[in-house]
PDB file of N, CA and C in Angstrom:
ATOM      1  N   UNK A   1     -15.576  11.098   8.589  1.00  0.00           N
ATOM      2  CA  UNK A   1     -13.739  10.568   8.167  1.00  0.00           C
ATOM      3  C   UNK A   1     -13.302  11.303   9.047  1.00  0.00           C
ATOM      4  N   UNK A   2     -11.814  11.067   9.538  1.00  0.00           N
ATOM      5  CA  UNK A   2     -10.976  11.196   9.972  1.00  0.00           C
ATOM      6  C   UNK A   2     -10.590  12.155   9.282  1.00  0.00           C
ATOM      7  N   UNK A   3      -9.456  12.635   9.920  1.00  0.00           N
ATOM      8  CA  UNK A   3      -8.732  13.498   9.305  1.00  0.00           C
ATOM      9  C   UNK A   3      -7.467  13.028   8.310  1.00  0.00           C
ATOM     10  N   UNK A   4      -7.224  13.986   7.064  1.00  0.00           N
ATOM     11  CA  UNK A   4      -7.041  13.147   5.999  1.00  0.00           C
ATOM     12  C   UNK A   4      -5.189  12.983   6.469  1.00  0.00           C
ATOM     13  N   UNK A   5      -4.429  12.003   6.014  1.00  0.00           N
ATOM     14  CA  UNK A   5      -3.338  12.549   6.373  1.00  0.00           C
ATOM     15  C   UNK A   5      -2.902  12.847   5.299  1.00  0.00           C
ATOM     16  N   UNK A   6      -1.611  13.450   4.657  1.00  0.00           N
ATOM     17  CA  UNK A   6      -0.853  12.667   3.252  1.00  0.00           C
ATOM     18  C   UNK A   6      -0.309  11.503   2.865  1.00  0.00           C
ATOM     19  N   UNK A   7      -1.064  10.782   1.839  1.00  0.00           N
ATOM     20  CA  UNK A   7      -1.024   9.169   1.874  1.00  0.00           C
ATOM     21  C   UNK A   7       0.598   9.050   1.720  1.00  0.00           C
ATOM     22  N   UNK A   8       1.217  10.257   1.224  1.00  0.00           N
ATOM     23  CA  UNK A   8       2.902   9.263   0.339  1.00  0.00           C
ATOM     24  C   UNK A   8       3.445   9.535   2.128  1.00  0.00           C
ATOM     25  N   UNK A   9       3.487   9.531   3.131  1.00  0.00           N
ATOM     26  CA  UNK A   9       3.832   9.589   4.303  1.00  0.00           C
ATOM     27  C   UNK A   9       3.016   8.758   5.123  1.00  0.00           C
ATOM     28  N   UNK A  10       2.542   7.466   4.667  1.00  0.00           N
ATOM     29  CA  UNK A  10       1.264   6.419   5.189  1.00  0.00           C
ATOM     30  C   UNK A  10       2.291   5.801   5.139  1.00  0.00           C
ATOM     31  N   UNK A  11       2.334   4.606   6.255  1.00  0.00           N
ATOM     32  CA  UNK A  11       2.729   2.757   5.966  1.00  0.00           C
ATOM     33  C   UNK A  11       1.879   2.574   5.390  1.00  0.00           C
ATOM     34  N   UNK A  12       2.004   0.930   4.687  1.00  0.00           N
ATOM     35  CA  UNK A  12       1.432   0.403   4.228  1.00  0.00           C
ATOM     36  C   UNK A  12      -0.182  -0.366   4.580  1.00  0.00           C
ATOM     37  N   UNK A  13       0.423  -0.519   6.518  1.00  0.00           N
ATOM     38  CA  UNK A  13      -0.819  -0.882   7.072  1.00  0.00           C
ATOM     39  C   UNK A  13      -2.006   0.284   6.727  1.00  0.00           C
ATOM     40  N   UNK A  14      -1.444   1.056   7.431  1.00  0.00           N
ATOM     41  CA  UNK A  14      -2.415   2.910   7.297  1.00  0.00           C
ATOM     42  C   UNK A  14      -2.842   3.163   6.589  1.00  0.00           C
ATOM     43  N   UNK A  15      -2.378   3.050   4.635  1.00  0.00           N
ATOM     44  CA  UNK A  15      -3.031   3.206   3.946  1.00  0.00           C
ATOM     45  C   UNK A  15      -3.845   2.019   3.646  1.00  0.00           C
ATOM     46  N   UNK A  16      -3.827   0.767   3.843  1.00  0.00           N
ATOM     47  CA  UNK A  16      -4.621  -0.514   3.597  1.00  0.00           C
ATOM     48  C   UNK A  16      -5.524  -0.763   4.242  1.00  0.00           C
ATOM     49  N   UNK A  17      -5.587  -0.260   5.856  1.00  0.00           N
ATOM     50  CA  UNK A  17      -7.136  -0.059   6.713  1.00  0.00           C
ATOM     51  C   UNK A  17      -8.180   1.791   6.268  1.00  0.00           C
ATOM     52  N   UNK A  18      -6.964   2.369   5.709  1.00  0.00           N
ATOM     53  CA  UNK A  18      -7.699   3.441   4.913  1.00  0.00           C
ATOM     54  C   UNK A  18      -8.813   3.178   4.375  1.00  0.00           C
ATOM     55  N   UNK A  19      -8.185   2.647   3.148  1.00  0.00           N
ATOM     56  CA  UNK A  19      -8.675   2.213   1.860  1.00  0.00           C
ATOM     57  C   UNK A  19     -10.231   1.129   1.992  1.00  0.00           C
ATOM     58  N   UNK A  20      -9.360   0.200   3.314  1.00  0.00           N
ATOM     59  CA  UNK A  20     -10.822  -1.060   3.281  1.00  0.00           C
ATOM     60  C   UNK A  20     -11.666  -0.327   4.172  1.00  0.00           C
ATOM     61  N   UNK A  21     -12.114   1.199   4.746  1.00  0.00           N
ATOM     62  CA  UNK A  21     -12.485   2.343   5.296  1.00  0.00           C
ATOM     63  C   UNK A  21     -13.887   2.600   4.096  1.00  0.00           C
ATOM     64  N   UNK A  22     -12.802   3.303   2.939  1.00  0.00           N
ATOM     65  CA  UNK A  22     -12.896   3.661   1.905  1.00  0.00           C
ATOM     66  C   UNK A  22     -14.740   2.580   1.519  1.00  0.00           C
ATOM     67  N   UNK A  23     -14.021   1.998   1.221  1.00  0.00           N
ATOM     68  CA  UNK A  23     -14.745   0.706   0.421  1.00  0.00           C
ATOM     69  C   UNK A  23     -16.430   0.106   1.139  1.00  0.00           C
ATOM     70  N   UNK A  24     -16.254   0.076   2.558  1.00  0.00           N
ATOM     71  CA  UNK A  24     -17.237   0.429   3.557  1.00  0.00           C
ATOM     72  C   UNK A  24     -17.947   1.429   3.276  1.00  0.00           C
ATOM     73  N   UNK A  25     -17.349   2.571   3.629  1.00  0.00           N
ATOM     74  CA  UNK A  25     -18.678   3.885   3.061  1.00  0.00           C
ATOM     75  C   UNK A  25     -19.033   3.719   2.103  1.00  0.00           C
ATOM     76  N   UNK A  26     -18.370   3.465   0.948  1.00  0.00           N
ATOM     77  CA  UNK A  26     -18.953   3.373  -0.508  1.00  0.00           C
ATOM     78  C   UNK A  26     -19.380   2.486  -0.554  1.00  0.00           C
ATOM     79  N   UNK A  27     -19.932   1.302   0.142  1.00  0.00           N
ATOM     80  CA  UNK A  27     -20.857   0.084  -0.134  1.00  0.00           C
ATOM     81  C   UNK A  27     -21.828   0.403   0.991  1.00  0.00           C
ATOM     82  N   UNK A  28     -21.728   0.432   1.717  1.00  0.00           N
ATOM     83  CA  UNK A  28     -22.828   0.965   2.619  1.00  0.00           C
ATOM     84  C   UNK A  28     -23.779   1.813   1.194  1.00  0.00           C
ATOM     85  N   UNK A  29     -23.120   2.917   0.588  1.00  0.00           N
ATOM     86  CA  UNK A  29     -24.199   3.684  -0.589  1.00  0.00           C
ATOM     87  C   UNK A  29     -25.221   5.035   0.017  1.00  0.00           C
ATOM     88  N   UNK A  30     -24.527   5.242   1.208  1.00  0.00           N
ATOM     89  CA  UNK A  30     -25.571   6.978   2.062  1.00  0.00           C
ATOM     90  C   UNK A  30     -24.357   7.657   1.834  1.00  0.00           C
ATOM     91  N   UNK A  31     -23.511   7.560   0.485  1.00  0.00           N
ATOM     92  CA  UNK A  31     -22.801   8.811   0.199  1.00  0.00           C
ATOM     93  C   UNK A  31     -23.486   9.949  -0.271  1.00  0.00           C
ATOM     94  N   UNK A  32     -23.332  11.081  -0.631  1.00  0.00           N
ATOM     95  CA  UNK A  32     -23.280  11.986  -1.876  1.00  0.00           C
ATOM     96  C   UNK A  32     -23.035  11.438  -2.795  1.00  0.00           C
ATOM     97  N   UNK A  33     -22.961  11.777  -4.270  1.00  0.00           N
ATOM     98  CA  UNK A  33     -22.073  11.837  -5.050  1.00  0.00           C
ATOM     99  C   UNK A  33     -20.871  12.558  -5.112  1.00  0.00           C
ATOM    100  N   UNK A  34     -21.138  14.479  -4.845  1.00  0.00           N
ATOM    101  CA  UNK A  34     -19.420  13.839  -4.732  1.00  0.00           C
ATOM    102  C   UNK A  34     -18.663  13.761  -3.844  1.00  0.00           C
ATOM    103  N   UNK A  35     -19.335  13.183  -1.954  1.00  0.00           N
ATOM    104  CA  UNK A  35     -18.184  12.369  -1.139  1.00  0.00           C
ATOM    105  C   UNK A  35     -17.994  11.148  -1.502  1.00  0.00           C
ATOM    106  N   UNK A  36     -18.867  10.704  -2.439  1.00  0.00           N
ATOM    107  CA  UNK A  36     -18.099   9.346  -3.151  1.00  0.00           C
ATOM    108  C   UNK A  36     -16.820   9.214  -3.758  1.00  0.00           C
ATOM    109  N   UNK A  37     -17.033  10.326  -5.444  1.00  0.00           N
ATOM    110  CA  UNK A  37     -16.537  10.310  -6.605  1.00  0.00           C
ATOM    111  C   UNK A  37     -15.068  10.942  -5.405  1.00  0.00           C
ATOM    112  N   UNK A  38     -15.262  11.644  -4.975  1.00  0.00           N
ATOM    113  CA  UNK A  38     -14.162  11.914  -3.473  1.00  0.00           C
ATOM    114  C   UNK A  38     -13.500  11.072  -3.104  1.00  0.00           C
ATOM    115  N   UNK A  39     -14.464  10.195  -1.994  1.00  0.00           N
ATOM    116  CA  UNK A  39     -13.815   8.372  -1.331  1.00  0.00           C
ATOM    117  C   UNK A  39     -13.278   7.791  -3.007  1.00  0.00           C
ATOM    118  N   UNK A  40     -13.858   7.758  -3.263  1.00  0.00           N
ATOM    119  CA  UNK A  40     -13.569   7.368  -4.754  1.00  0.00           C
ATOM    120  C   UNK A  40     -11.628   7.356  -4.341  1.00  0.00           C
ATOM    121  N   UNK A  41     -11.439   8.207  -5.420  1.00  0.00           N
ATOM    122  CA  UNK A  41     -10.769   9.154  -5.791  1.00  0.00           C
ATOM    123  C   UNK A  41      -9.293   8.871  -4.898  1.00  0.00           C
ATOM    124  N   UNK A  42      -9.541   9.199  -3.342  1.00  0.00           N
ATOM    125  CA  UNK A  42      -8.811   9.333  -2.778  1.00  0.00           C
ATOM    126  C   UNK A  42      -8.447   7.499  -2.286  1.00  0.00           C
ATOM    127  N   UNK A  43      -9.507   6.851  -2.357  1.00  0.00           N
ATOM    128  CA  UNK A  43      -9.156   4.925  -2.843  1.00  0.00           C
ATOM    129  C   UNK A  43      -8.059   4.704  -3.644  1.00  0.00           C
ATOM    130  N   UNK A  44      -8.016   5.456  -4.195  1.00  0.00           N
ATOM    131  CA  UNK A  44      -7.363   5.109  -5.608  1.00  0.00           C
ATOM    132  C   UNK A  44      -6.046   5.231  -5.491  1.00  0.00           C
ATOM    133  N   UNK A  45      -5.716   6.430  -5.146  1.00  0.00           N
ATOM    134  CA  UNK A  45      -4.303   6.596  -4.300  1.00  0.00           C
ATOM    135  C   UNK A  45      -4.272   6.032  -3.154  1.00  0.00           C
ATOM    136  N   UNK A  46      -4.718   5.771  -2.388  1.00  0.00           N
ATOM    137  CA  UNK A  46      -3.949   4.897  -1.386  1.00  0.00           C
ATOM    138  C   UNK A  46      -3.565   3.685  -2.071  1.00  0.00           C
ATOM    139  N   UNK A  47      -4.558   2.938  -3.076  1.00  0.00           N
ATOM    140  CA  UNK A  47      -4.089   1.808  -4.157  1.00  0.00           C
ATOM    141  C   UNK A  47      -2.973   2.162  -4.183  1.00  0.00           C
ATOM    142  N   UNK A  48      -2.806   3.159  -5.083  1.00  0.00           N
ATOM    143  CA  UNK A  48      -1.739   3.382  -6.364  1.00  0.00           C
ATOM    144  C   UNK A  48      -0.320   3.150  -4.801  1.00  0.00           C
ATOM    145  N   UNK A  49      -0.347   3.667  -4.379  1.00  0.00           N
ATOM    146  CA  UNK A  49       0.085   3.947  -2.564  1.00  0.00           C
ATOM    147  C   UNK A  49       0.811   2.682  -2.410  1.00  0.00           C
ATOM    148  N   UNK A  50       0.375   1.668  -1.950  1.00  0.00           N
ATOM    149  CA  UNK A  50      -0.092   0.412  -1.442  1.00  0.00           C
ATOM    150  C   UNK A  50       0.496  -0.679  -2.456  1.00  0.00           C
ATOM    151  N   UNK A  51       0.118  -0.721  -3.927  1.00  0.00           N
ATOM    152  CA  UNK A  51       1.371  -1.549  -4.760  1.00  0.00           C
ATOM    153  C   UNK A  51       3.261  -0.537  -4.945  1.00  0.00           C
ATOM    154  N   UNK A  52       2.628   0.750  -4.452  1.00  0.00           N
ATOM    155  CA  UNK A  52       4.261   0.496  -4.851  1.00  0.00           C
ATOM    156  C   UNK A  52       5.139   0.393  -3.627  1.00  0.00           C
ATOM    157  N   UNK A  53       4.915   0.061  -1.953  1.00  0.00           N
ATOM    158  CA  UNK A  53       5.404   0.061  -1.485  1.00  0.00           C
ATOM    159  C   UNK A  53       5.166  -2.087  -1.522  1.00  0.00           C
ATOM    160  N   UNK A  54       4.374  -2.323  -1.860  1.00  0.00           N
ATOM    161  CA  UNK A  54       4.642  -4.107  -2.406  1.00  0.00           C
ATOM    162  C   UNK A  54       5.468  -4.254  -3.120  1.00  0.00           C
ATOM    163  N   UNK A  55       5.894  -3.052  -4.277  1.00  0.00           N
ATOM    164  CA  UNK A  55       6.499  -4.081  -6.043  1.00  0.00           C
ATOM    165  C   UNK A  55       7.464  -3.131  -4.856  1.00  0.00           C
ATOM    166  N   UNK A  56       8.453  -2.570  -4.185  1.00  0.00           N
ATOM    167  CA  UNK A  56       9.134  -2.051  -3.561  1.00  0.00           C
ATOM    168  C   UNK A  56      10.032  -2.767  -2.557  1.00  0.00           C
ATOM    169  N   UNK A  57       9.049  -3.702  -1.512  1.00  0.00           N
ATOM    170  CA  UNK A  57       9.260  -4.607  -0.989  1.00  0.00           C
ATOM    171  C   UNK A  57       9.393  -5.913  -1.428  1.00  0.00           C
ATOM    172  N   UNK A  58       8.685  -6.653  -2.788  1.00  0.00           N
ATOM    173  CA  UNK A  58       8.689  -7.484  -3.591  1.00  0.00           C
ATOM    174  C   UNK A  58      11.008  -7.533  -3.697  1.00  0.00           C
ATOM    175  N   UNK A  59      11.187  -5.977  -4.423  1.00  0.00           N
ATOM    176  CA  UNK A  59      12.637  -5.753  -4.484  1.00  0.00           C
ATOM    177  C   UNK A  59      13.989  -6.089  -4.126  1.00  0.00           C
ATOM    178  N   UNK A  60      12.813  -5.821  -2.844  1.00  0.00           N
ATOM    179  CA  UNK A  60      13.834  -6.214  -1.363  1.00  0.00           C
ATOM    180  C   UNK A  60      13.993  -7.237  -1.230  1.00  0.00           C
ATOM    181  N   UNK A  61      13.461  -8.042  -0.619  1.00  0.00           N
ATOM    182  CA  UNK A  61      12.750  -9.715  -1.145  1.00  0.00           C
ATOM    183  C   UNK A  61      14.440 -10.319  -1.991  1.00  0.00           C
ATOM    184  N   UNK A  62      13.423 -10.064  -2.874  1.00  0.00           N
ATOM    185  CA  UNK A  62      14.493 -10.652  -4.049  1.00  0.00           C
ATOM    186  C   UNK A  62      16.478 -10.415  -4.453  1.00  0.00           C
ATOM    187  N   UNK A  63      16.260  -9.635  -3.369  1.00  0.00           N
ATOM    188  CA  UNK A  63      17.487  -9.948  -3.239  1.00  0.00           C
ATOM    189  C   UNK A  63      18.297 -10.285  -1.992  1.00  0.00           C
ATOM    190  N   UNK A  64      17.556 -10.371  -1.765  1.00  0.00           N
ATOM    191  CA  UNK A  64      17.943 -11.849  -0.196  1.00  0.00           C
ATOM    192  C   UNK A  64      17.653 -13.648  -1.083  1.00  0.00           C
ATOM    193  N   UNK A  65      18.786 -14.188  -1.108  1.00  0.00           N
ATOM    194  CA  UNK A  65      19.099 -15.216  -1.342  1.00  0.00           C
ATOM    195  C   UNK A  65      20.038 -16.394  -0.343  1.00  0.00           C
ATOM    196  N   UNK A  66      19.774 -17.610  -0.458  1.00  0.00           N
ATOM    197  CA  UNK A  66      20.434 -18.697   0.369  1.00  0.00           C
ATOM    198  C   UNK A  66      21.342 -19.127  -0.143  1.00  0.00           C
ATOM    199  N   UNK A  67      22.722 -18.861   0.593  1.00  0.00           N
ATOM    200  CA  UNK A  67      23.522 -19.693  -0.483  1.00  0.00           C
ATOM    201  C   UNK A  67      23.278 -20.819   0.544  1.00  0.00           C
ATOM    202  N   UNK A  68      23.498 -21.627  -1.433  1.00  0.00           N
ATOM    203  CA  UNK A  68      23.314 -23.694  -1.003  1.00  0.00           C
ATOM    204  C   UNK A  68      24.567 -23.776  -0.279  1.00  0.00           C
ATOM    205  N   UNK A  69      25.678 -23.386  -0.628  1.00  0.00           N
ATOM    206  CA  UNK A  69      26.306 -24.440   0.640  1.00  0.00           C
ATOM    207  C   UNK A  69      26.741 -24.347   1.942  1.00  0.00           C
ATOM    208  N   UNK A  70      26.841 -23.212   1.984  1.00  0.00           N
ATOM    209  CA  UNK A  70      26.485 -22.423   4.070  1.00  0.00           C
ATOM    210  C   UNK A  70      25.512 -22.829   4.150  1.00  0.00           C
ATOM    211  N   UNK A  71      23.762 -22.408   3.410  1.00  0.00           N
ATOM    212  CA  UNK A  71      22.657 -22.293   4.124  1.00  0.00           C
ATOM    213  C   UNK A  71      22.806 -21.003   4.191  1.00  0.00           C
ATOM    214  N   UNK A  72      23.712 -20.094   4.693  1.00  0.00           N
ATOM    215  CA  UNK A  72      23.694 -18.677   4.560  1.00  0.00           C
ATOM    216  C   UNK A  72      22.381 -18.212   4.129  1.00  0.00           C
ATOM    217  N   UNK A  73      22.180 -16.887   4.492  1.00  0.00           N
ATOM    218  CA  UNK A  73      21.312 -15.833   4.276  1.00  0.00           C
ATOM    219  C   UNK A  73      22.309 -15.084   3.687  1.00  0.00           C
ATOM    220  N   UNK A  74      22.752 -14.464   1.857  1.00  0.00           N
ATOM    221  CA  UNK A  74      23.176 -13.268   1.105  1.00  0.00           C
ATOM    222  C   UNK A  74      22.293 -12.507   1.019  1.00  0.00           C
ATOM    223  N   UNK A  75      22.960 -11.086   0.655  1.00  0.00           N
ATOM    224  CA  UNK A  75      21.832  -9.933  -0.494  1.00  0.00           C
ATOM    225  C   UNK A  75      22.799  -9.596  -1.052  1.00  0.00           C
ATOM    226  N   UNK A  76      22.159  -9.099  -2.453  1.00  0.00           N
ATOM    227  CA  UNK A  76      23.151  -9.073  -2.870  1.00  0.00           C
ATOM    228  C   UNK A  76      23.178  -7.620  -3.930  1.00  0.00           C
ATOM    229  N   UNK A  77      24.129  -7.693  -4.131  1.00  0.00           N
ATOM    230  CA  UNK A  77      24.878  -6.330  -4.642  1.00  0.00           C
ATOM    231  C   UNK A  77      24.394  -5.190  -5.526  1.00  0.00           C
ATOM    232  N   UNK A  78      22.970  -5.575  -5.493  1.00  0.00           N
ATOM    233  CA  UNK A  78      22.378  -4.564  -7.188  1.00  0.00           C
ATOM    234  C   UNK A  78      20.929  -3.675  -6.074  1.00  0.00           C
ATOM    235  N   UNK A  79      22.110  -2.020  -6.292  1.00  0.00           N
ATOM    236  CA  UNK A  79      20.771  -0.814  -5.457  1.00  0.00           C
ATOM    237  C   UNK A  79      19.942  -0.925  -6.144  1.00  0.00           C
ATOM    238  N   UNK A  80      18.600  -0.762  -5.605  1.00  0.00           N
ATOM    239  CA  UNK A  80      17.925   0.097  -5.690  1.00  0.00           C
ATOM    240  C   UNK A  80      17.895   1.198  -5.909  1.00  0.00           C
TER     241      UNK A  80
END
């Protein structure tokens, strides 16, 4: 596995790619127990990070609405 980057600084795609790699390694079954536990722990943190990004993105999307009268797009005044 490559150098471990701080998860909090990762973009969604980067975190998801690392999570997918961890799953492949764990499914391969060639890791030691300690390596597997460490990978599982990091994978759990990556999943949580991805979930947080998705939730934040969904809130941003929910703020955008289409004005039925003009057909234009407006953004609500709600601050997140």
